[in-house]
Amino acid sequence: MPLDRDSKTPLYLQLYQLLKDSYLPKSGNQQQLLSIRRMAQTMNVSKTTVEQAYDQLLAEGYVYTVPGSGYFFKALKAWPTASPKTPAIPVSTPPKPVTYDFRYGATQLLKPSWNAWKKAVRDALRQAEANPVSYPDAQGLPALRQRLTTFLRTTRGVRCQPDQIVITNGAKEGLALLLSILPAGTLGIENPGYRGLPALASAAGKATVALPVTTQGVSLTAIKAAQPQFVYTTPAHQFPLGYVLPIAQRLELLQWAAAESRLIIEDDYDSEYRYHTQPLPALQSVAMADQVAYLGTFAKGIDPTLRMGYLVLPVHLVAVYHRQYQYRSAMVAGLLQQAMVAYFDSGAYYRHISRSRSLNRRKYQRLTQLLATTDRIQPIATGAGLQLVVRIPGIAQKALLAALTAADIRIYPLDSNWQAMPSHDYYLLGFTAVSLADLEVAIPRLIAVCDQLGH
């Protein structure tokens, strides 16, 4: 087969591949290649090209040389045949983009906060240039953990030392790390709740049991009946329904955990966003028996793509963590951690939380005002959070979603978050990425679609 001189593939690589493809394994190890000179004449190429092709075969172990005799193919039992057809890789098709997307987790970029973050990154770059450092501490930069200790104590009442904190690349990764150092046992999870938790627990060798959620938060009756070794809960603002675990139930939960030597995993994912009262103190702040692990994230404070969170370990798990992860590397780049230190030191993080809470309070209030104009949509309004769960009864889910897509709107069914869902008419509206102006368009349009389908 002649070589393709118009191809971008070098001639020596074409020759190398041609020789590999021409080898006959059944001929044994005496199958000799043409001499370099004769191969060059046969293929009408330079001797250098042949030498490069032969050297490549030799380097990869396909051929061997006999001094004075030339090159021979090795008798390889598993000589590669023609490449089989590559199996098709399943490709998930992203949904059609819409103008009004109520996706939870997305945020609206706040220019003052973003500018302050860019300055913090520049400061971190200058510091790295002036004082080059080695790999950051696996738990996270000591300076960031120190700042975080102060922040959590003053804003959430969390009592901890920097040595208890692990900087993670998100709350979910922090939970995965925590589950990996816990002994065998069952994890109680809120239902409805985060849809990825059963898979996350299974990967860590933990079984799960669903714990129903009431208007008072996770059911303590169900917890005591199931007796899980660990309980994952979102007490400040239950995800997704939004209910708050009152102080009496919090104390009862902690009392049970202390008496039964159980661990509570508190995910404080959006506790800053209460719109009628001050944020509630963390469950960890009233724990007296070292029975709470605490999870948080900076993502909603700046941008979800930052992927930076933290895990506050109970004191009794710190040694276990070090023993199991003594050789691990930091989960977040040192540069980003240093930028976060600068963001704290300038006061920008505190200002951003205040700015973001003020904006999202206005969005929440306007969203609930607009929804109050119809009886077809029933919101579960709790005065907090970055999302709102609504019930839209009497309309088939498939028809509703299709009609909303046609109207350039997307809302999210809770089916995958809710085991044994009572009815398939609950939806999640994440409103933080939708501007106030867009709410004025999207919600009346949503109501109009529901009115049309509900007749």
Protein backbone atom coordinates (compact mmCIF):
# COMPACT_ATOMS: atom_id res chain seq x y z
CA MET A 1 0.00 0.00 0.00
CA PRO A 2 1.59 3.34 -1.00
CA LEU A 3 2.11 6.05 1.59
CA ASP A 4 -0.06 9.13 1.42
CA ARG A 5 2.28 12.03 0.86
CA ASP A 6 -0.54 14.56 1.20
CA SER A 7 -1.48 13.36 4.66
CA LYS A 8 -0.66 15.37 7.77
CA THR A 9 0.59 12.13 9.37
CA PRO A 10 4.40 11.90 9.00
CA LEU A 11 5.63 9.31 6.52
CA TYR A 12 7.54 7.35 9.15
CA LEU A 13 4.37 6.95 11.24
CA GLN A 14 2.43 5.81 8.17
CA LEU A 15 5.15 3.24 7.47
CA TYR A 16 5.23 2.16 11.10
CA GLN A 17 1.45 1.56 11.07
CA LEU A 18 1.65 -0.24 7.70
CA LEU A 19 4.30 -2.63 9.01
CA LYS A 20 2.30 -3.37 12.14
CA ASP A 21 -0.79 -4.11 10.08
CA SER A 22 1.16 -6.39 7.70
CA TYR A 23 2.57 -8.67 10.39
CA LEU A 24 1.35 -12.28 10.28
CA PRO A 25 1.44 -13.69 13.84
CA LYS A 26 1.19 -17.32 12.65
CA SER A 27 4.48 -16.97 10.82
CA GLY A 28 6.34 -17.15 14.14
CA ASN A 29 9.29 -15.04 15.23
CA GLN A 30 11.33 -15.47 12.07
CA GLN A 31 9.30 -13.00 10.04
CA GLN A 32 12.00 -10.64 8.87
CA LEU A 33 11.56 -7.06 7.75
CA LEU A 34 13.27 -5.75 4.65
CA SER A 35 16.60 -4.11 5.21
CA ILE A 36 16.52 -0.36 5.70
CA ARG A 37 18.02 0.29 2.27
CA ARG A 38 15.66 -2.08 0.44
CA MET A 39 12.59 -0.81 2.35
CA ALA A 40 13.53 2.76 1.41
CA GLN A 41 13.80 1.76 -2.25
CA THR A 42 10.53 -0.19 -2.16
CA MET A 43 8.54 2.59 -0.51
CA ASN A 44 10.36 5.40 -2.33
CA VAL A 45 11.27 7.16 0.92
CA SER A 46 14.51 8.12 2.56
CA LYS A 47 16.50 5.73 4.75
CA THR A 48 15.92 8.16 7.63
CA THR A 49 12.17 7.64 7.31
CA VAL A 50 12.60 3.86 7.44
CA GLU A 51 14.98 4.08 10.38
CA GLN A 52 12.45 6.18 12.32
CA ALA A 53 9.67 3.67 11.59
CA TYR A 54 11.86 0.71 12.61
CA ASP A 55 13.07 2.51 15.74
CA GLN A 56 9.45 3.14 16.76
CA LEU A 57 8.61 -0.55 16.33
CA LEU A 58 11.74 -1.45 18.30
CA ALA A 59 10.96 1.02 21.11
CA GLU A 60 7.45 -0.39 21.51
CA GLY A 61 8.72 -3.96 21.59
CA TYR A 62 7.18 -5.18 18.33
CA VAL A 63 10.51 -6.11 16.73
CA TYR A 64 14.00 -7.17 17.75
CA THR A 65 17.34 -6.99 15.98
CA VAL A 66 19.96 -9.63 15.23
CA PRO A 67 23.41 -8.09 14.64
CA GLY A 68 24.39 -8.59 11.03
CA SER A 69 20.99 -10.06 10.09
CA GLY A 70 18.49 -7.21 10.47
CA TYR A 71 15.07 -6.66 12.07
CA PHE A 72 12.57 -9.43 12.98
CA PHE A 73 9.03 -9.32 14.32
CA LYS A 74 8.60 -10.84 17.76
CA ALA A 75 6.27 -13.82 18.15
CA LEU A 76 3.62 -12.04 20.15
CA LYS A 77 0.73 -14.28 21.16
CA ALA A 78 -1.68 -11.42 21.56
CA TRP A 79 -0.77 -9.42 18.51
CA PRO A 80 -3.32 -6.65 18.03
CA THR A 81 -5.72 -7.20 15.20
CA ALA A 82 -7.66 -4.54 13.38
CA SER A 83 -9.22 -2.17 15.87
CA PRO A 84 -12.78 -3.20 16.66
CA LYS A 85 -15.52 -0.69 16.19
CA THR A 86 -15.55 1.73 19.08
CA PRO A 87 -18.75 1.22 21.04
CA ALA A 88 -21.05 4.19 20.96
CA ILE A 89 -20.79 6.36 24.04
CA PRO A 90 -24.19 7.33 25.43
CA VAL A 91 -24.58 11.06 25.07
CA SER A 92 -27.07 12.88 27.23
CA THR A 93 -28.94 15.52 25.32
CA PRO A 94 -29.18 18.76 27.29
CA PRO A 95 -32.64 20.25 27.49
CA LYS A 96 -33.51 23.04 25.14
CA PRO A 97 -32.39 26.37 26.64
CA VAL A 98 -35.17 28.61 27.84
CA THR A 99 -35.21 32.27 28.79
CA TYR A 100 -36.83 31.78 32.20
CA ASP A 101 -35.05 28.86 33.87
CA PHE A 102 -35.93 28.29 37.52
CA ARG A 103 -33.01 25.95 38.08
CA TYR A 104 -31.93 25.56 41.67
CA GLY A 105 -28.26 26.29 42.41
CA ALA A 106 -27.70 28.91 39.74
CA THR A 107 -27.15 32.49 40.90
CA GLN A 108 -27.39 35.99 39.51
CA LEU A 109 -23.97 37.58 39.18
CA LEU A 110 -23.67 40.62 41.46
CA LYS A 111 -21.15 42.95 39.88
CA PRO A 112 -19.79 44.56 43.09
CA SER A 113 -19.25 41.13 44.65
CA TRP A 114 -17.68 39.77 41.48
CA ASN A 115 -15.33 42.73 41.19
CA ALA A 116 -14.25 42.22 44.80
CA TRP A 117 -13.62 38.54 44.08
CA LYS A 118 -11.48 39.40 41.06
CA LYS A 119 -9.44 41.75 43.26
CA ALA A 120 -9.03 38.98 45.84
CA VAL A 121 -7.74 36.62 43.13
CA ARG A 122 -5.27 39.26 41.94
CA ASP A 123 -4.07 39.75 45.51
CA ALA A 124 -3.58 35.99 45.84
CA LEU A 125 -1.59 35.92 42.60
CA ARG A 126 0.68 38.72 43.80
CA GLN A 127 1.24 36.95 47.11
CA ALA A 128 2.02 33.67 45.36
CA GLU A 129 4.55 35.45 43.17
CA ALA A 130 6.21 37.21 46.11
CA ASN A 131 6.16 34.21 48.44
CA PRO A 132 6.06 30.93 46.51
CA VAL A 133 4.76 28.10 48.66
CA SER A 134 4.67 24.35 48.34
CA TYR A 135 1.50 22.28 48.23
CA PRO A 136 -1.16 23.61 50.63
CA ASP A 137 -2.09 21.73 53.78
CA ALA A 138 -4.43 18.83 52.94
CA GLN A 139 -7.04 20.20 55.35
CA GLY A 140 -6.86 23.62 53.73
CA LEU A 141 -4.80 26.75 54.30
CA PRO A 142 -4.46 27.42 58.05
CA ALA A 143 -5.25 31.10 57.44
CA LEU A 144 -8.54 30.24 55.70
CA ARG A 145 -9.52 27.77 58.40
CA GLN A 146 -8.81 30.44 61.02
CA ARG A 147 -10.98 33.00 59.19
CA LEU A 148 -13.71 30.41 58.82
CA THR A 149 -13.64 29.63 62.54
CA THR A 150 -14.34 33.30 63.29
CA PHE A 151 -16.99 33.57 60.57
CA LEU A 152 -18.91 30.50 61.74
CA ARG A 153 -18.76 31.53 65.40
CA THR A 154 -20.05 35.04 64.77
CA THR A 155 -22.71 34.22 62.14
CA ARG A 156 -23.84 30.69 63.00
CA GLY A 157 -22.75 30.14 66.60
CA VAL A 158 -20.62 27.15 65.51
CA ARG A 159 -17.95 26.31 68.06
CA CYS A 160 -14.86 24.76 66.56
CA GLN A 161 -11.09 25.00 66.21
CA PRO A 162 -9.24 25.37 62.89
CA ASP A 163 -7.93 21.80 63.26
CA GLN A 164 -11.52 20.51 63.02
CA ILE A 165 -12.10 22.13 59.61
CA VAL A 166 -11.44 20.53 56.22
CA ILE A 167 -11.72 22.74 53.13
CA THR A 168 -13.53 20.76 50.44
CA ASN A 169 -14.51 21.31 46.80
CA GLY A 170 -18.19 21.51 47.67
CA ALA A 171 -20.61 20.36 50.37
CA LYS A 172 -21.34 17.10 48.55
CA GLU A 173 -17.64 16.22 48.43
CA GLY A 174 -17.38 17.11 52.11
CA LEU A 175 -20.22 14.70 52.85
CA ALA A 176 -18.54 11.98 50.78
CA LEU A 177 -15.32 12.48 52.74
CA LEU A 178 -17.18 12.32 56.04
CA LEU A 179 -19.05 9.13 55.10
CA SER A 180 -15.77 7.50 54.08
CA ILE A 181 -14.31 7.84 57.59
CA LEU A 182 -17.42 6.72 59.45
CA PRO A 183 -17.84 3.11 60.57
CA ALA A 184 -20.41 0.79 59.03
CA GLY A 185 -23.98 1.77 59.66
CA THR A 186 -27.20 3.18 58.26
CA LEU A 187 -27.64 6.79 57.19
CA GLY A 188 -31.03 8.36 57.76
CA ILE A 189 -31.88 10.86 55.01
CA GLU A 190 -34.70 13.35 54.75
CA ASN A 191 -37.52 12.50 52.35
CA PRO A 192 -37.92 14.54 50.24
CA GLY A 193 -34.30 15.59 50.10
CA TYR A 194 -31.19 15.69 47.94
CA ARG A 195 -31.59 13.11 45.20
CA GLY A 196 -27.93 12.08 45.09
CA LEU A 197 -27.65 11.04 48.73
CA PRO A 198 -28.53 7.33 48.40
CA ALA A 199 -25.89 6.85 45.70
CA LEU A 200 -23.33 8.83 47.70
CA ALA A 201 -24.00 6.74 50.79
CA SER A 202 -23.88 3.49 48.83
CA ALA A 203 -20.47 4.42 47.41
CA ALA A 204 -19.24 4.74 51.01
CA GLY A 205 -20.73 1.38 51.97
CA LYS A 206 -23.65 2.84 53.93
CA ALA A 207 -27.27 1.78 53.70
CA THR A 208 -29.93 4.50 53.80
CA VAL A 209 -33.34 4.83 55.35
CA ALA A 210 -35.82 7.52 54.30
CA LEU A 211 -37.07 9.80 57.07
CA PRO A 212 -40.30 11.67 56.30
CA VAL A 213 -40.38 15.44 56.62
CA THR A 214 -43.19 17.22 58.43
CA THR A 215 -43.97 20.92 58.79
CA GLN A 216 -41.65 20.73 61.82
CA GLY A 217 -38.73 19.41 59.81
CA VAL A 218 -37.44 15.85 59.81
CA SER A 219 -39.66 13.46 61.78
CA LEU A 220 -38.15 12.59 65.18
CA THR A 221 -40.66 9.77 65.54
CA ALA A 222 -39.30 8.20 62.35
CA ILE A 223 -35.71 8.67 63.52
CA LYS A 224 -36.36 6.92 66.82
CA ALA A 225 -38.20 4.11 65.07
CA ALA A 226 -35.48 3.54 62.44
CA GLN A 227 -32.52 4.07 64.82
CA PRO A 228 -29.97 4.95 62.12
CA GLN A 229 -26.35 5.33 63.19
CA PHE A 230 -26.13 8.65 61.31
CA VAL A 231 -28.77 11.25 60.43
CA TYR A 232 -28.33 13.75 57.59
CA THR A 233 -30.53 16.80 58.05
CA THR A 234 -30.99 20.40 56.86
CA PRO A 235 -32.51 21.89 60.04
CA ALA A 236 -32.21 25.62 59.22
CA HIS A 237 -34.16 25.31 55.97
CA GLN A 238 -35.12 21.80 54.93
CA PHE A 239 -34.30 21.00 51.34
CA PRO A 240 -36.45 21.22 49.32
CA LEU A 241 -39.63 21.96 51.28
CA GLY A 242 -38.13 24.73 53.39
CA TYR A 243 -39.44 23.86 56.84
CA VAL A 244 -37.43 24.79 59.94
CA LEU A 245 -36.62 22.37 62.75
CA PRO A 246 -37.80 24.24 65.89
CA ILE A 247 -35.62 24.51 68.99
CA ALA A 248 -37.61 21.94 70.98
CA GLN A 249 -37.19 19.33 68.24
CA ARG A 250 -33.51 20.26 67.86
CA LEU A 251 -32.84 19.64 71.53
CA GLU A 252 -34.78 16.37 71.40
CA LEU A 253 -32.77 15.24 68.36
CA LEU A 254 -29.47 16.08 70.09
CA GLN A 255 -30.60 14.32 73.26
CA TRP A 256 -31.41 11.19 71.28
CA ALA A 257 -28.07 11.32 69.48
CA ALA A 258 -26.15 11.71 72.75
CA ALA A 259 -28.05 8.93 74.51
CA GLU A 260 -27.70 6.49 71.59
CA SER A 261 -24.15 7.54 70.55
CA ARG A 262 -25.37 8.61 67.12
CA LEU A 263 -23.97 11.25 64.75
CA ILE A 264 -25.97 14.12 63.30
CA ILE A 265 -24.75 15.49 59.94
CA GLU A 266 -25.95 19.09 59.65
CA ASP A 267 -25.99 20.60 56.16
CA ASP A 268 -26.33 24.35 56.65
CA TYR A 269 -26.61 24.98 52.92
CA ASP A 270 -28.48 28.34 52.77
CA SER A 271 -29.01 29.36 56.38
CA GLU A 272 -28.10 33.01 55.65
CA TYR A 273 -31.21 33.48 53.55
CA ARG A 274 -34.04 34.17 56.00
CA TYR A 275 -36.20 37.09 54.96
CA HIS A 276 -38.43 37.91 57.93
CA THR A 277 -36.20 37.08 60.89
CA GLN A 278 -32.53 36.73 61.69
CA PRO A 279 -30.81 33.48 60.58
CA LEU A 280 -31.24 30.71 63.15
CA PRO A 281 -28.17 29.46 65.03
CA ALA A 282 -26.76 26.20 63.77
CA LEU A 283 -27.77 22.92 65.37
CA GLN A 284 -24.08 22.39 66.14
CA SER A 285 -24.11 25.53 68.29
CA VAL A 286 -26.34 23.91 70.92
CA ALA A 287 -24.80 20.42 70.78
CA MET A 288 -23.07 19.47 74.02
CA ALA A 289 -21.85 15.93 73.31
CA ASP A 290 -19.64 16.28 70.19
CA GLN A 291 -22.34 14.58 68.13
CA VAL A 292 -22.69 16.96 65.14
CA ALA A 293 -20.66 17.15 61.92
CA TYR A 294 -21.27 20.43 60.12
CA LEU A 295 -21.27 21.06 56.34
CA GLY A 296 -21.26 24.38 54.53
CA THR A 297 -20.28 25.97 51.24
CA PHE A 298 -19.03 29.27 49.83
CA ALA A 299 -20.65 28.53 46.45
CA LYS A 300 -23.83 30.53 47.01
CA GLY A 301 -21.78 33.31 48.54
CA ILE A 302 -19.86 33.98 45.32
CA ASP A 303 -20.53 31.62 42.41
CA PRO A 304 -21.53 27.92 42.25
CA THR A 305 -18.67 27.14 39.89
CA LEU A 306 -16.17 28.09 42.61
CA ARG A 307 -16.72 24.63 44.16
CA MET A 308 -15.42 25.45 47.63
CA GLY A 309 -17.00 24.25 50.84
CA TYR A 310 -16.03 23.07 54.29
CA LEU A 311 -16.57 20.27 56.76
CA VAL A 312 -16.37 20.80 60.52
CA LEU A 313 -15.51 17.46 62.08
CA PRO A 314 -16.56 16.47 65.59
CA VAL A 315 -13.47 16.33 67.78
CA HIS A 316 -13.59 12.54 68.07
CA LEU A 317 -13.33 12.16 64.26
CA VAL A 318 -10.30 14.43 63.74
CA ALA A 319 -7.78 11.68 64.51
CA VAL A 320 -9.72 9.24 62.31
CA TYR A 321 -9.57 11.71 59.45
CA HIS A 322 -5.81 12.20 59.81
CA ARG A 323 -5.21 8.48 60.01
CA GLN A 324 -7.20 7.71 56.89
CA TYR A 325 -6.22 10.75 54.81
CA GLN A 326 -2.66 11.43 55.93
CA TYR A 327 -1.36 11.17 52.35
CA ARG A 328 -4.14 13.01 50.53
CA SER A 329 -3.72 16.32 48.74
CA ALA A 330 -5.73 19.48 49.24
CA MET A 331 -9.14 19.35 47.56
CA VAL A 332 -9.07 23.03 46.52
CA ALA A 333 -6.20 24.84 44.80
CA GLY A 334 -4.10 26.87 47.19
CA LEU A 335 -4.49 29.97 45.01
CA LEU A 336 -8.29 29.91 45.35
CA GLN A 337 -8.01 29.37 49.09
CA GLN A 338 -5.67 32.33 49.40
CA ALA A 339 -8.10 34.42 47.37
CA MET A 340 -10.83 33.44 49.82
CA VAL A 341 -8.64 34.61 52.69
CA ALA A 342 -8.26 37.99 50.96
CA TYR A 343 -12.03 38.06 50.34
CA PHE A 344 -12.63 37.59 54.06
CA ASP A 345 -9.96 40.09 55.14
CA SER A 346 -11.34 42.87 52.92
CA GLY A 347 -14.84 42.35 54.35
CA ALA A 348 -16.11 41.57 50.83
CA TYR A 349 -17.59 38.22 51.79
CA TYR A 350 -19.71 39.74 54.56
CA ARG A 351 -20.83 42.55 52.26
CA HIS A 352 -21.73 40.06 49.57
CA ILE A 353 -23.88 37.97 51.91
CA SER A 354 -25.74 41.12 52.97
CA ARG A 355 -26.13 42.28 49.35
CA SER A 356 -27.26 38.86 48.14
CA ARG A 357 -29.73 38.41 51.00
CA SER A 358 -31.27 41.83 50.31
CA LEU A 359 -31.72 41.09 46.59
CA ASN A 360 -33.10 37.61 47.12
CA ARG A 361 -35.48 38.90 49.80
CA ARG A 362 -36.99 41.20 47.17
CA LYS A 363 -37.20 38.33 44.68
CA TYR A 364 -38.82 36.03 47.23
CA GLN A 365 -41.37 38.65 48.24
CA ARG A 366 -42.27 39.47 44.64
CA LEU A 367 -42.47 35.80 43.69
CA THR A 368 -44.90 35.02 46.50
CA GLN A 369 -46.94 38.16 45.72
CA LEU A 370 -47.32 37.12 42.09
CA LEU A 371 -48.25 33.55 43.01
CA ALA A 372 -50.86 34.85 45.45
CA THR A 373 -52.92 36.06 42.48
CA THR A 374 -53.88 32.49 41.50
CA ASP A 375 -55.40 29.46 43.20
CA ARG A 376 -53.95 27.03 40.68
CA ILE A 377 -50.44 27.22 42.11
CA GLN A 378 -49.99 26.44 45.81
CA PRO A 379 -46.62 27.58 47.19
CA ILE A 380 -45.03 26.23 50.36
CA ALA A 381 -43.87 29.63 51.58
CA THR A 382 -41.56 29.56 54.60
CA GLY A 383 -39.99 33.01 54.36
CA ALA A 384 -36.51 31.68 53.66
CA GLY A 385 -34.22 30.03 51.15
CA LEU A 386 -33.16 30.26 47.55
CA GLN A 387 -35.94 28.08 46.17
CA LEU A 388 -39.67 27.68 46.51
CA VAL A 389 -41.65 24.46 46.25
CA VAL A 390 -45.07 24.78 44.66
CA ARG A 391 -47.88 22.33 44.08
CA ILE A 392 -49.81 22.54 40.80
CA PRO A 393 -52.66 20.03 41.14
CA GLY A 394 -55.01 18.87 38.44
CA ILE A 395 -52.56 19.17 35.52
CA ALA A 396 -50.62 16.24 34.11
CA GLN A 397 -46.91 16.76 34.63
CA LYS A 398 -45.84 15.89 31.09
CA ALA A 399 -48.37 18.25 29.54
CA LEU A 400 -47.45 21.05 31.92
CA LEU A 401 -43.70 20.79 31.30
CA ALA A 402 -44.19 20.67 27.54
CA ALA A 403 -46.46 23.72 27.58
CA LEU A 404 -44.02 25.63 29.79
CA THR A 405 -41.12 24.81 27.48
CA ALA A 406 -43.14 26.19 24.59
CA ALA A 407 -43.68 29.31 26.74
CA ASP A 408 -39.89 29.59 27.29
CA ILE A 409 -40.12 28.58 30.97
CA ARG A 410 -38.65 25.65 32.91
CA ILE A 411 -39.55 24.46 36.39
CA TYR A 412 -38.37 21.23 38.01
CA PRO A 413 -40.46 18.27 39.20
CA LEU A 414 -39.58 16.85 42.62
CA ASP A 415 -40.10 13.21 41.62
CA SER A 416 -36.40 12.32 41.84
CA ASN A 417 -36.11 13.98 45.26
CA TRP A 418 -39.12 12.31 46.85
CA GLN A 419 -39.49 8.59 47.54
CA ALA A 420 -43.12 7.45 47.48
CA MET A 421 -44.20 10.92 46.39
CA PRO A 422 -47.84 11.51 47.42
CA SER A 423 -48.68 13.06 44.04
CA HIS A 424 -46.68 14.03 40.98
CA ASP A 425 -47.55 17.70 41.08
CA TYR A 426 -44.82 19.22 43.24
CA TYR A 427 -42.23 21.44 41.54
CA LEU A 428 -39.09 23.30 42.56
CA LEU A 429 -38.56 26.93 41.57
CA GLY A 430 -35.05 28.17 42.14
CA PHE A 431 -35.37 31.93 41.75
CA THR A 432 -31.89 33.31 42.49
CA ALA A 433 -30.69 33.30 38.86
CA VAL A 434 -33.88 34.98 37.61
CA SER A 435 -33.85 38.77 37.72
CA LEU A 436 -36.67 40.77 39.26
CA ALA A 437 -37.60 42.03 35.81
CA ASP A 438 -37.77 38.49 34.46
CA LEU A 439 -39.96 37.38 37.39
CA GLU A 440 -42.51 39.98 36.30
CA VAL A 441 -42.70 38.24 32.92
CA ALA A 442 -42.20 34.59 33.82
CA ILE A 443 -44.64 34.15 36.71
CA PRO A 444 -47.70 35.66 34.98
CA ARG A 445 -46.82 33.52 31.97
CA LEU A 446 -46.57 30.43 34.23
CA ILE A 447 -49.97 31.25 35.71
CA ALA A 448 -51.47 31.72 32.25
CA VAL A 449 -50.21 28.30 31.12
CA CYS A 450 -51.70 26.68 34.24
CA ASP A 451 -55.00 28.46 33.71
CA GLN A 452 -55.11 27.28 30.11
CA LEU A 453 -54.35 23.63 30.96
CA GLY A 454 -56.57 23.63 34.03
CA HIS A 455 -59.77 24.47 32.17
